[in-house]
Amino acid sequence: MRQASLSRKTAETEVSVSLSLDGTGRYDNVTKIGFFDHMLDQLARHSLMDMTVRAKGDLYVDDHHTVEDVGITLGQCLAEALGDKRGIRRYGDCRLAMDDAQVAAALDLSGRPYLVWNVPFDAPKIGTFDAELVREFFQALSTHGGITLHVDMLHGINAHHVAEAAFKAVARALRVALEPDPRQEGAVPSTKGTL
């Protein structure tokens, strides 16, 4: 079915995620962190995954636990929805421009998590959102989704544009990697025979 729903509860957060890989980009994301909700919406819309996220966290501390735990739960949900990965393209990449920002993302749904992050932010905040949490989200997503993920900023001045370009570039790369490969229907895209 290429879909999954998972929940995660800790002393710091409660997160639930529902995901359909064969969607149209519908989203309904509520974390009570405005900028982060906006980025999750972009991730769903541009990957064409249908996504619902609900998160309650200790925002009186800061946004860190909520952002990280959403990344963990979303990564786990993605891995479950992918199953044994038969018939997918596996690899995806995108070089995305957004106003002053240009960000490149390349990924492999290999089951071997690794993040290469070359996205410096000149400003520590995007509105009230800590810019460093963009990396924390993608670290959690790649680790728990089993994704080798490289994200590189080529240009960028405005932190909002840089962050949004990163989310959209990863989304577009995911869209390609998740697609069924019509030439490899039912085959695991690896010489090992498993991913």
N, C-alpha and C. Protein backbone atom coordinates (compact mmCIF):
# COMPACT_ATOMS: atom_id res chain seq x y z
N MET A 1 0.81 -1.22 0.00
CA MET A 1 0.00 0.00 0.00
C MET A 1 0.85 1.27 0.00
N ARG A 2 2.13 1.17 0.36
CA ARG A 2 3.04 2.32 0.40
C ARG A 2 2.49 3.45 1.26
N GLN A 3 1.99 3.07 2.44
CA GLN A 3 1.55 4.08 3.40
C GLN A 3 1.80 3.56 4.81
N ALA A 4 1.86 4.50 5.76
CA ALA A 4 2.13 4.11 7.14
C ALA A 4 1.64 5.20 8.07
N SER A 5 1.34 4.80 9.30
CA SER A 5 0.99 5.72 10.37
C SER A 5 1.72 5.27 11.63
N LEU A 6 2.40 6.20 12.27
CA LEU A 6 3.16 5.88 13.48
C LEU A 6 3.00 6.99 14.51
N SER A 7 3.14 6.60 15.77
CA SER A 7 3.13 7.57 16.87
C SER A 7 4.37 7.35 17.72
N ARG A 8 4.81 8.42 18.35
CA ARG A 8 5.98 8.38 19.24
C ARG A 8 5.67 9.27 20.43
N LYS A 9 5.84 8.75 21.63
CA LYS A 9 5.56 9.52 22.84
C LYS A 9 6.76 9.42 23.77
N THR A 10 7.25 10.58 24.20
CA THR A 10 8.33 10.64 25.18
C THR A 10 7.91 11.62 26.27
N ALA A 11 8.77 11.83 27.24
CA ALA A 11 8.50 12.81 28.29
C ALA A 11 8.53 14.24 27.74
N GLU A 12 9.07 14.40 26.51
CA GLU A 12 9.21 15.73 25.92
C GLU A 12 8.20 16.03 24.82
N THR A 13 7.77 14.99 24.09
CA THR A 13 6.88 15.22 22.94
C THR A 13 5.90 14.07 22.75
N GLU A 14 4.83 14.38 22.02
CA GLU A 14 3.91 13.39 21.46
C GLU A 14 3.76 13.70 19.99
N VAL A 15 4.12 12.74 19.15
CA VAL A 15 4.11 12.96 17.70
C VAL A 15 3.36 11.82 17.02
N SER A 16 2.49 12.17 16.07
CA SER A 16 1.88 11.16 15.21
C SER A 16 2.02 11.62 13.76
N VAL A 17 2.34 10.65 12.90
CA VAL A 17 2.55 10.93 11.47
C VAL A 17 1.79 9.89 10.66
N SER A 18 1.07 10.35 9.66
CA SER A 18 0.47 9.47 8.64
C SER A 18 1.03 9.90 7.30
N LEU A 19 1.38 8.90 6.50
CA LEU A 19 2.09 9.18 5.25
C LEU A 19 1.61 8.23 4.17
N SER A 20 1.35 8.78 2.97
CA SER A 20 1.06 7.98 1.79
C SER A 20 2.03 8.41 0.70
N LEU A 21 2.83 7.46 0.23
CA LEU A 21 3.85 7.78 -0.77
C LEU A 21 3.25 8.06 -2.14
N ASP A 22 2.08 7.52 -2.40
CA ASP A 22 1.45 7.68 -3.72
C ASP A 22 0.32 8.69 -3.66
N GLY A 23 0.62 9.84 -3.10
CA GLY A 23 -0.40 10.87 -2.92
C GLY A 23 -0.34 11.94 -3.99
N THR A 24 -0.88 13.09 -3.63
CA THR A 24 -0.91 14.23 -4.53
C THR A 24 -0.29 15.47 -3.88
N GLY A 25 0.34 15.26 -2.71
CA GLY A 25 0.95 16.38 -2.01
C GLY A 25 0.03 17.06 -1.02
N ARG A 26 -1.03 16.37 -0.61
CA ARG A 26 -1.93 16.95 0.41
C ARG A 26 -1.24 16.94 1.77
N TYR A 27 -1.53 17.94 2.57
CA TYR A 27 -0.89 18.05 3.88
C TYR A 27 -1.83 18.64 4.92
N ASP A 28 -1.58 18.25 6.15
CA ASP A 28 -2.31 18.76 7.30
C ASP A 28 -1.37 18.62 8.49
N ASN A 29 -0.51 19.61 8.66
CA ASN A 29 0.58 19.52 9.62
C ASN A 29 0.43 20.57 10.72
N VAL A 30 0.39 20.13 11.95
CA VAL A 30 0.22 21.03 13.09
C VAL A 30 1.21 20.66 14.18
N THR A 31 2.23 21.50 14.34
CA THR A 31 3.21 21.31 15.41
C THR A 31 3.22 22.49 16.38
N LYS A 32 2.47 23.54 16.05
CA LYS A 32 2.45 24.81 16.80
C LYS A 32 3.77 25.58 16.68
N ILE A 33 4.57 25.19 15.68
CA ILE A 33 5.78 25.95 15.32
C ILE A 33 5.54 26.42 13.90
N GLY A 34 5.14 27.66 13.75
CA GLY A 34 4.65 28.17 12.47
C GLY A 34 5.57 27.94 11.29
N PHE A 35 6.82 28.33 11.42
CA PHE A 35 7.74 28.17 10.30
C PHE A 35 7.95 26.70 9.96
N PHE A 36 8.05 25.85 10.98
CA PHE A 36 8.26 24.42 10.76
C PHE A 36 7.06 23.80 10.06
N ASP A 37 5.85 24.18 10.47
CA ASP A 37 4.65 23.70 9.77
C ASP A 37 4.71 24.07 8.29
N HIS A 38 5.13 25.30 8.01
CA HIS A 38 5.26 25.77 6.63
C HIS A 38 6.26 24.91 5.85
N MET A 39 7.37 24.53 6.49
CA MET A 39 8.37 23.70 5.82
C MET A 39 7.85 22.27 5.61
N LEU A 40 7.14 21.71 6.59
CA LEU A 40 6.55 20.38 6.41
C LEU A 40 5.54 20.38 5.28
N ASP A 41 4.78 21.47 5.17
CA ASP A 41 3.83 21.59 4.06
C ASP A 41 4.56 21.56 2.72
N GLN A 42 5.71 22.25 2.64
CA GLN A 42 6.50 22.25 1.40
C GLN A 42 7.03 20.85 1.09
N LEU A 43 7.46 20.14 2.14
CA LEU A 43 7.98 18.79 1.95
C LEU A 43 6.92 17.88 1.35
N ALA A 44 5.71 17.97 1.87
CA ALA A 44 4.62 17.14 1.35
C ALA A 44 4.25 17.57 -0.07
N ARG A 45 4.03 18.84 -0.25
CA ARG A 45 3.54 19.35 -1.54
C ARG A 45 4.48 19.02 -2.70
N HIS A 46 5.78 19.16 -2.46
CA HIS A 46 6.73 19.01 -3.57
C HIS A 46 7.25 17.58 -3.73
N SER A 47 7.02 16.73 -2.75
CA SER A 47 7.35 15.30 -2.90
C SER A 47 6.17 14.51 -3.44
N LEU A 48 4.98 15.12 -3.39
CA LEU A 48 3.71 14.48 -3.73
C LEU A 48 3.34 13.35 -2.76
N MET A 49 3.91 13.40 -1.56
CA MET A 49 3.45 12.51 -0.50
C MET A 49 2.30 13.19 0.22
N ASP A 50 1.27 12.43 0.58
CA ASP A 50 0.23 12.95 1.45
C ASP A 50 0.71 12.79 2.88
N MET A 51 0.65 13.86 3.67
CA MET A 51 1.26 13.85 4.99
C MET A 51 0.38 14.55 6.01
N THR A 52 0.19 13.89 7.14
CA THR A 52 -0.47 14.50 8.29
C THR A 52 0.46 14.35 9.48
N VAL A 53 0.76 15.47 10.12
CA VAL A 53 1.62 15.47 11.30
C VAL A 53 0.89 16.20 12.42
N ARG A 54 0.90 15.58 13.58
CA ARG A 54 0.41 16.21 14.80
C ARG A 54 1.52 16.10 15.83
N ALA A 55 1.89 17.21 16.44
CA ALA A 55 2.94 17.18 17.44
C ALA A 55 2.62 18.12 18.58
N LYS A 56 2.81 17.62 19.79
CA LYS A 56 2.75 18.43 21.01
C LYS A 56 4.10 18.28 21.68
N GLY A 57 4.74 19.40 21.98
CA GLY A 57 6.06 19.31 22.58
C GLY A 57 6.27 20.34 23.66
N ASP A 58 7.40 20.24 24.31
CA ASP A 58 7.76 21.16 25.39
C ASP A 58 8.31 22.47 24.81
N LEU A 59 7.43 23.20 24.14
CA LEU A 59 7.85 24.43 23.47
C LEU A 59 8.25 25.52 24.45
N TYR A 60 7.88 25.35 25.72
CA TYR A 60 8.33 26.30 26.74
C TYR A 60 9.85 26.18 26.95
N VAL A 61 10.42 25.02 26.60
CA VAL A 61 11.87 24.85 26.64
C VAL A 61 12.45 25.51 25.39
N ASP A 62 12.16 24.94 24.24
CA ASP A 62 12.42 25.51 22.92
C ASP A 62 11.81 24.56 21.90
N ASP A 63 12.10 24.78 20.62
CA ASP A 63 11.48 23.98 19.55
C ASP A 63 12.26 22.70 19.24
N HIS A 64 13.43 22.55 19.82
CA HIS A 64 14.35 21.49 19.41
C HIS A 64 13.74 20.09 19.50
N HIS A 65 13.20 19.72 20.66
CA HIS A 65 12.69 18.37 20.84
C HIS A 65 11.57 18.06 19.86
N THR A 66 10.69 19.02 19.64
CA THR A 66 9.56 18.80 18.73
C THR A 66 10.04 18.60 17.30
N VAL A 67 10.95 19.46 16.84
CA VAL A 67 11.44 19.35 15.46
C VAL A 67 12.18 18.03 15.26
N GLU A 68 13.05 17.69 16.20
CA GLU A 68 13.81 16.45 16.07
C GLU A 68 12.90 15.23 16.10
N ASP A 69 11.93 15.21 17.02
CA ASP A 69 11.05 14.04 17.14
C ASP A 69 10.10 13.89 15.96
N VAL A 70 9.71 15.00 15.35
CA VAL A 70 8.94 14.91 14.10
C VAL A 70 9.83 14.29 13.01
N GLY A 71 11.09 14.70 12.93
CA GLY A 71 12.01 14.11 11.95
C GLY A 71 12.20 12.62 12.18
N ILE A 72 12.33 12.21 13.44
CA ILE A 72 12.48 10.79 13.77
C ILE A 72 11.25 10.01 13.33
N THR A 73 10.08 10.49 13.71
CA THR A 73 8.83 9.77 13.42
C THR A 73 8.54 9.75 11.93
N LEU A 74 8.79 10.86 11.25
CA LEU A 74 8.57 10.91 9.81
C LEU A 74 9.53 9.95 9.09
N GLY A 75 10.78 9.90 9.52
CA GLY A 75 11.74 8.98 8.93
C GLY A 75 11.32 7.53 9.12
N GLN A 76 10.88 7.18 10.32
CA GLN A 76 10.41 5.81 10.59
C GLN A 76 9.18 5.48 9.74
N CYS A 77 8.29 6.44 9.60
CA CYS A 77 7.08 6.25 8.80
C CYS A 77 7.43 6.03 7.33
N LEU A 78 8.38 6.81 6.84
CA LEU A 78 8.83 6.67 5.45
C LEU A 78 9.43 5.29 5.22
N ALA A 79 10.29 4.85 6.14
CA ALA A 79 10.91 3.52 6.01
C ALA A 79 9.86 2.41 6.02
N GLU A 80 8.86 2.54 6.89
CA GLU A 80 7.81 1.51 6.95
C GLU A 80 6.97 1.50 5.68
N ALA A 81 6.64 2.69 5.16
CA ALA A 81 5.83 2.78 3.94
C ALA A 81 6.58 2.22 2.74
N LEU A 82 7.91 2.33 2.73
CA LEU A 82 8.72 1.82 1.62
C LEU A 82 8.83 0.30 1.62
N GLY A 83 8.71 -0.31 2.78
CA GLY A 83 8.82 -1.77 2.84
C GLY A 83 10.17 -2.24 2.35
N ASP A 84 10.18 -3.25 1.47
CA ASP A 84 11.46 -3.79 0.98
C ASP A 84 12.00 -3.01 -0.23
N LYS A 85 11.31 -1.94 -0.63
CA LYS A 85 11.76 -1.00 -1.67
C LYS A 85 11.77 -1.58 -3.07
N ARG A 86 11.04 -2.66 -3.26
CA ARG A 86 10.97 -3.24 -4.60
C ARG A 86 10.34 -2.26 -5.59
N GLY A 87 10.97 -2.15 -6.75
CA GLY A 87 10.40 -1.39 -7.85
C GLY A 87 10.59 0.10 -7.81
N ILE A 88 11.29 0.64 -6.79
CA ILE A 88 11.48 2.09 -6.74
C ILE A 88 12.72 2.50 -7.53
N ARG A 89 12.80 3.79 -7.83
CA ARG A 89 13.98 4.31 -8.51
C ARG A 89 15.20 4.38 -7.58
N ARG A 90 14.98 4.57 -6.30
CA ARG A 90 15.98 4.58 -5.22
C ARG A 90 16.76 5.88 -5.12
N TYR A 91 17.24 6.43 -6.21
CA TYR A 91 18.06 7.64 -6.19
C TYR A 91 17.24 8.83 -6.68
N GLY A 92 17.55 9.99 -6.12
CA GLY A 92 16.91 11.21 -6.60
C GLY A 92 17.79 12.41 -6.31
N ASP A 93 17.65 13.42 -7.14
CA ASP A 93 18.39 14.66 -6.90
C ASP A 93 17.62 15.84 -7.46
N CYS A 94 17.94 17.02 -6.95
CA CYS A 94 17.30 18.24 -7.42
C CYS A 94 18.19 19.42 -7.10
N ARG A 95 18.29 20.33 -8.04
CA ARG A 95 18.97 21.60 -7.83
C ARG A 95 17.89 22.66 -7.95
N LEU A 96 17.56 23.29 -6.82
CA LEU A 96 16.37 24.13 -6.76
C LEU A 96 16.72 25.59 -6.47
N ALA A 97 16.14 26.48 -7.26
CA ALA A 97 16.32 27.92 -7.08
C ALA A 97 15.08 28.51 -6.42
N MET A 98 15.30 29.38 -5.44
CA MET A 98 14.22 30.15 -4.84
C MET A 98 14.76 31.55 -4.55
N ASP A 99 14.39 32.47 -5.42
CA ASP A 99 14.86 33.85 -5.31
C ASP A 99 16.39 33.87 -5.23
N ASP A 100 16.96 34.38 -4.15
CA ASP A 100 18.42 34.49 -4.02
C ASP A 100 19.09 33.15 -3.71
N ALA A 101 18.31 32.16 -3.30
CA ALA A 101 18.87 30.90 -2.82
C ALA A 101 18.86 29.83 -3.90
N GLN A 102 19.91 29.03 -3.90
CA GLN A 102 19.97 27.84 -4.74
C GLN A 102 20.56 26.71 -3.90
N VAL A 103 19.80 25.62 -3.79
CA VAL A 103 20.20 24.49 -2.95
C VAL A 103 20.11 23.21 -3.78
N ALA A 104 21.12 22.36 -3.63
CA ALA A 104 21.13 21.07 -4.31
C ALA A 104 20.96 19.97 -3.28
N ALA A 105 20.12 19.00 -3.61
CA ALA A 105 19.92 17.83 -2.75
C ALA A 105 20.07 16.58 -3.61
N ALA A 106 20.78 15.60 -3.06
CA ALA A 106 20.91 14.29 -3.70
C ALA A 106 20.74 13.25 -2.61
N LEU A 107 20.00 12.18 -2.95
CA LEU A 107 19.74 11.18 -1.91
C LEU A 107 19.66 9.78 -2.49
N ASP A 108 19.85 8.83 -1.58
CA ASP A 108 19.80 7.41 -1.88
C ASP A 108 19.01 6.74 -0.77
N LEU A 109 17.93 6.07 -1.14
CA LEU A 109 17.11 5.36 -0.16
C LEU A 109 17.74 3.99 0.10
N SER A 110 18.97 4.03 0.58
CA SER A 110 19.84 2.87 0.66
C SER A 110 19.64 2.02 1.91
N GLY A 111 19.02 2.59 2.92
CA GLY A 111 18.98 1.93 4.22
C GLY A 111 20.22 2.23 5.04
N ARG A 112 21.16 3.00 4.47
CA ARG A 112 22.38 3.38 5.16
C ARG A 112 22.33 4.89 5.43
N PRO A 113 21.94 5.28 6.64
CA PRO A 113 21.79 6.71 6.92
C PRO A 113 23.12 7.45 6.95
N TYR A 114 23.12 8.60 6.28
CA TYR A 114 24.31 9.46 6.30
C TYR A 114 23.87 10.83 5.84
N LEU A 115 24.24 11.85 6.58
CA LEU A 115 23.90 13.21 6.20
C LEU A 115 25.16 14.01 5.93
N VAL A 116 25.23 14.62 4.76
CA VAL A 116 26.24 15.63 4.45
C VAL A 116 25.49 16.95 4.33
N TRP A 117 25.83 17.91 5.17
CA TRP A 117 25.07 19.16 5.27
C TRP A 117 26.00 20.34 5.08
N ASN A 118 25.90 21.00 3.95
CA ASN A 118 26.67 22.20 3.66
C ASN A 118 25.72 23.35 3.39
N VAL A 119 24.99 23.72 4.43
CA VAL A 119 24.00 24.80 4.33
C VAL A 119 24.24 25.76 5.49
N PRO A 120 25.12 26.72 5.31
CA PRO A 120 25.37 27.68 6.38
C PRO A 120 24.27 28.74 6.43
N PHE A 121 23.89 29.11 7.63
CA PHE A 121 22.93 30.19 7.82
C PHE A 121 23.65 31.37 8.45
N ASP A 122 23.56 32.54 7.82
CA ASP A 122 24.18 33.74 8.38
C ASP A 122 23.41 34.26 9.58
N ALA A 123 22.10 34.06 9.58
CA ALA A 123 21.26 34.53 10.68
C ALA A 123 20.93 33.35 11.60
N PRO A 124 20.97 33.54 12.92
CA PRO A 124 20.64 32.44 13.83
C PRO A 124 19.15 32.12 13.88
N LYS A 125 18.30 33.05 13.47
CA LYS A 125 16.86 32.87 13.56
C LYS A 125 16.20 33.11 12.21
N ILE A 126 15.11 32.39 11.99
CA ILE A 126 14.20 32.65 10.87
C ILE A 126 12.88 33.00 11.54
N GLY A 127 12.61 34.29 11.69
CA GLY A 127 11.52 34.71 12.57
C GLY A 127 11.89 34.34 14.00
N THR A 128 11.09 33.47 14.63
CA THR A 128 11.41 33.00 15.98
C THR A 128 12.01 31.59 15.96
N PHE A 129 12.21 31.03 14.77
CA PHE A 129 12.68 29.65 14.60
C PHE A 129 14.20 29.62 14.56
N ASP A 130 14.81 28.71 15.34
CA ASP A 130 16.27 28.56 15.32
C ASP A 130 16.70 27.93 14.01
N ALA A 131 17.52 28.64 13.24
CA ALA A 131 17.94 28.16 11.92
C ALA A 131 18.67 26.83 12.01
N GLU A 132 19.39 26.57 13.12
CA GLU A 132 20.14 25.32 13.25
C GLU A 132 19.23 24.10 13.30
N LEU A 133 17.94 24.30 13.56
CA LEU A 133 17.00 23.18 13.64
C LEU A 133 16.67 22.60 12.27
N VAL A 134 16.95 23.33 11.21
CA VAL A 134 16.74 22.78 9.87
C VAL A 134 17.65 21.55 9.70
N ARG A 135 18.91 21.69 10.07
CA ARG A 135 19.82 20.54 10.00
C ARG A 135 19.38 19.43 10.94
N GLU A 136 18.95 19.77 12.14
CA GLU A 136 18.52 18.75 13.11
C GLU A 136 17.37 17.92 12.55
N PHE A 137 16.43 18.57 11.87
CA PHE A 137 15.32 17.84 11.26
C PHE A 137 15.83 16.85 10.22
N PHE A 138 16.70 17.30 9.32
CA PHE A 138 17.17 16.42 8.25
C PHE A 138 18.09 15.32 8.79
N GLN A 139 18.82 15.61 9.87
CA GLN A 139 19.62 14.56 10.50
C GLN A 139 18.72 13.45 11.02
N ALA A 140 17.64 13.82 11.71
CA ALA A 140 16.71 12.83 12.25
C ALA A 140 15.99 12.07 11.13
N LEU A 141 15.57 12.79 10.09
CA LEU A 141 14.88 12.16 8.95
C LEU A 141 15.79 11.15 8.26
N SER A 142 17.04 11.54 7.99
CA SER A 142 17.95 10.63 7.27
C SER A 142 18.32 9.43 8.13
N THR A 143 18.56 9.66 9.41
CA THR A 143 18.95 8.56 10.31
C THR A 143 17.83 7.53 10.43
N HIS A 144 16.62 7.98 10.68
CA HIS A 144 15.51 7.06 10.95
C HIS A 144 14.80 6.60 9.68
N GLY A 145 15.05 7.30 8.56
CA GLY A 145 14.51 6.85 7.29
C GLY A 145 15.48 5.98 6.51
N GLY A 146 16.71 5.84 7.00
CA GLY A 146 17.72 5.06 6.29
C GLY A 146 18.12 5.70 4.98
N ILE A 147 18.31 7.01 5.01
CA ILE A 147 18.57 7.78 3.78
C ILE A 147 19.98 8.34 3.80
N THR A 148 20.72 8.12 2.72
CA THR A 148 21.95 8.88 2.49
C THR A 148 21.52 10.18 1.84
N LEU A 149 21.81 11.29 2.51
CA LEU A 149 21.29 12.59 2.06
C LEU A 149 22.41 13.63 2.05
N HIS A 150 22.58 14.25 0.90
CA HIS A 150 23.54 15.35 0.75
C HIS A 150 22.76 16.61 0.40
N VAL A 151 22.99 17.68 1.15
CA VAL A 151 22.33 18.96 0.89
C VAL A 151 23.40 20.04 0.88
N ASP A 152 23.47 20.79 -0.23
CA ASP A 152 24.50 21.81 -0.40
C ASP A 152 23.87 23.12 -0.87
N MET A 153 24.16 24.20 -0.15
CA MET A 153 23.74 25.52 -0.60
C MET A 153 24.77 26.05 -1.59
N LEU A 154 24.30 26.44 -2.76
CA LEU A 154 25.19 27.01 -3.77
C LEU A 154 25.23 28.53 -3.66
N HIS A 155 24.08 29.12 -3.35
CA HIS A 155 23.96 30.57 -3.14
C HIS A 155 22.87 30.79 -2.10
N GLY A 156 22.90 31.95 -1.48
CA GLY A 156 21.81 32.29 -0.59
C GLY A 156 22.14 33.44 0.32
N ILE A 157 21.17 34.34 0.47
CA ILE A 157 21.31 35.50 1.36
C ILE A 157 20.25 35.44 2.45
N ASN A 158 19.01 35.25 2.05
CA ASN A 158 17.89 35.27 2.98
C ASN A 158 17.70 33.90 3.61
N ALA A 159 17.74 33.82 4.94
CA ALA A 159 17.68 32.53 5.64
C ALA A 159 16.37 31.79 5.38
N HIS A 160 15.27 32.52 5.29
CA HIS A 160 13.98 31.87 4.99
C HIS A 160 14.04 31.20 3.63
N HIS A 161 14.58 31.90 2.65
CA HIS A 161 14.67 31.34 1.30
C HIS A 161 15.61 30.13 1.26
N VAL A 162 16.71 30.20 1.99
CA VAL A 162 17.67 29.08 2.01
C VAL A 162 17.01 27.84 2.61
N ALA A 163 16.35 28.02 3.76
CA ALA A 163 15.70 26.88 4.42
C ALA A 163 14.60 26.30 3.53
N GLU A 164 13.79 27.16 2.96
CA GLU A 164 12.70 26.67 2.12
C GLU A 164 13.22 25.98 0.87
N ALA A 165 14.28 26.51 0.28
CA ALA A 165 14.89 25.85 -0.88
C ALA A 165 15.42 24.47 -0.50
N ALA A 166 15.96 24.33 0.71
CA ALA A 166 16.46 23.03 1.17
C ALA A 166 15.32 22.03 1.29
N PHE A 167 14.23 22.43 1.93
CA PHE A 167 13.08 21.53 2.08
C PHE A 167 12.50 21.14 0.72
N LYS A 168 12.39 22.11 -0.18
CA LYS A 168 11.82 21.82 -1.50
C LYS A 168 12.75 20.94 -2.33
N ALA A 169 14.06 21.19 -2.24
CA ALA A 169 15.01 20.37 -3.01
C ALA A 169 14.98 18.93 -2.52
N VAL A 170 14.96 18.72 -1.20
CA VAL A 170 14.87 17.36 -0.67
C VAL A 170 13.55 16.72 -1.08
N ALA A 171 12.48 17.49 -1.04
CA ALA A 171 11.16 16.97 -1.45
C ALA A 171 11.17 16.51 -2.90
N ARG A 172 11.73 17.33 -3.78
CA ARG A 172 11.75 16.96 -5.20
C ARG A 172 12.66 15.76 -5.46
N ALA A 173 13.76 15.65 -4.72
CA ALA A 173 14.63 14.48 -4.84
C ALA A 173 13.91 13.23 -4.33
N LEU A 174 13.19 13.36 -3.22
CA LEU A 174 12.41 12.24 -2.70
C LEU A 174 11.36 11.79 -3.70
N ARG A 175 10.71 12.75 -4.33
CA ARG A 175 9.67 12.42 -5.33
C ARG A 175 10.22 11.48 -6.40
N VAL A 176 11.41 11.79 -6.89
CA VAL A 176 12.03 10.96 -7.93
C VAL A 176 12.40 9.59 -7.37
N ALA A 177 13.06 9.57 -6.21
CA ALA A 177 13.55 8.31 -5.63
C ALA A 177 12.42 7.35 -5.26
N LEU A 178 11.28 7.90 -4.83
CA LEU A 178 10.15 7.08 -4.39
C LEU A 178 9.33 6.52 -5.54
N GLU A 179 9.47 7.11 -6.72
CA GLU A 179 8.64 6.70 -7.86
C GLU A 179 8.91 5.26 -8.28
N PRO A 180 7.87 4.56 -8.66
CA PRO A 180 8.07 3.23 -9.25
C PRO A 180 8.86 3.35 -10.55
N ASP A 181 9.80 2.45 -10.74
CA ASP A 181 10.60 2.41 -11.96
C ASP A 181 9.93 1.42 -12.91
N PRO A 182 9.36 1.90 -14.02
CA PRO A 182 8.62 1.00 -14.92
C PRO A 182 9.50 -0.08 -15.55
N ARG A 183 10.81 0.09 -15.54
CA ARG A 183 11.72 -0.91 -16.11
C ARG A 183 12.19 -1.92 -15.08
N GLN A 184 11.84 -1.69 -13.81
CA GLN A 184 12.31 -2.57 -12.74
C GLN A 184 11.17 -3.00 -11.81
N GLU A 185 10.00 -3.21 -12.38
CA GLU A 185 8.84 -3.55 -11.57
C GLU A 185 9.10 -4.81 -10.73
N GLY A 186 8.95 -4.65 -9.42
CA GLY A 186 9.11 -5.79 -8.52
C GLY A 186 10.53 -6.15 -8.17
N ALA A 187 11.51 -5.45 -8.74
CA ALA A 187 12.91 -5.76 -8.48
C ALA A 187 13.47 -4.83 -7.40
N VAL A 188 14.34 -5.37 -6.55
CA VAL A 188 15.04 -4.53 -5.58
C VAL A 188 16.18 -3.84 -6.32
N PRO A 189 16.27 -2.50 -6.25
CA PRO A 189 17.28 -1.77 -7.03
C PRO A 189 18.67 -1.84 -6.39
N SER A 190 19.22 -3.05 -6.31
CA SER A 190 20.54 -3.26 -5.75
C SER A 190 21.09 -4.59 -6.22
N THR A 191 22.39 -4.65 -6.47
CA THR A 191 23.01 -5.92 -6.83
C THR A 191 23.07 -6.87 -5.63
N LYS A 192 22.88 -6.34 -4.43
CA LYS A 192 22.85 -7.20 -3.22
C LYS A 192 21.56 -8.00 -3.13
N GLY A 193 20.51 -7.49 -3.80
CA GLY A 193 19.21 -8.14 -3.71
C GLY A 193 18.39 -7.70 -2.53
N THR A 194 18.94 -6.77 -1.73
CA THR A 194 18.20 -6.23 -0.59
C THR A 194 18.71 -4.83 -0.27
N LEU A 195 17.85 -4.03 0.29
CA LEU A 195 18.23 -2.67 0.73
C LEU A 195 17.82 -2.51 2.19
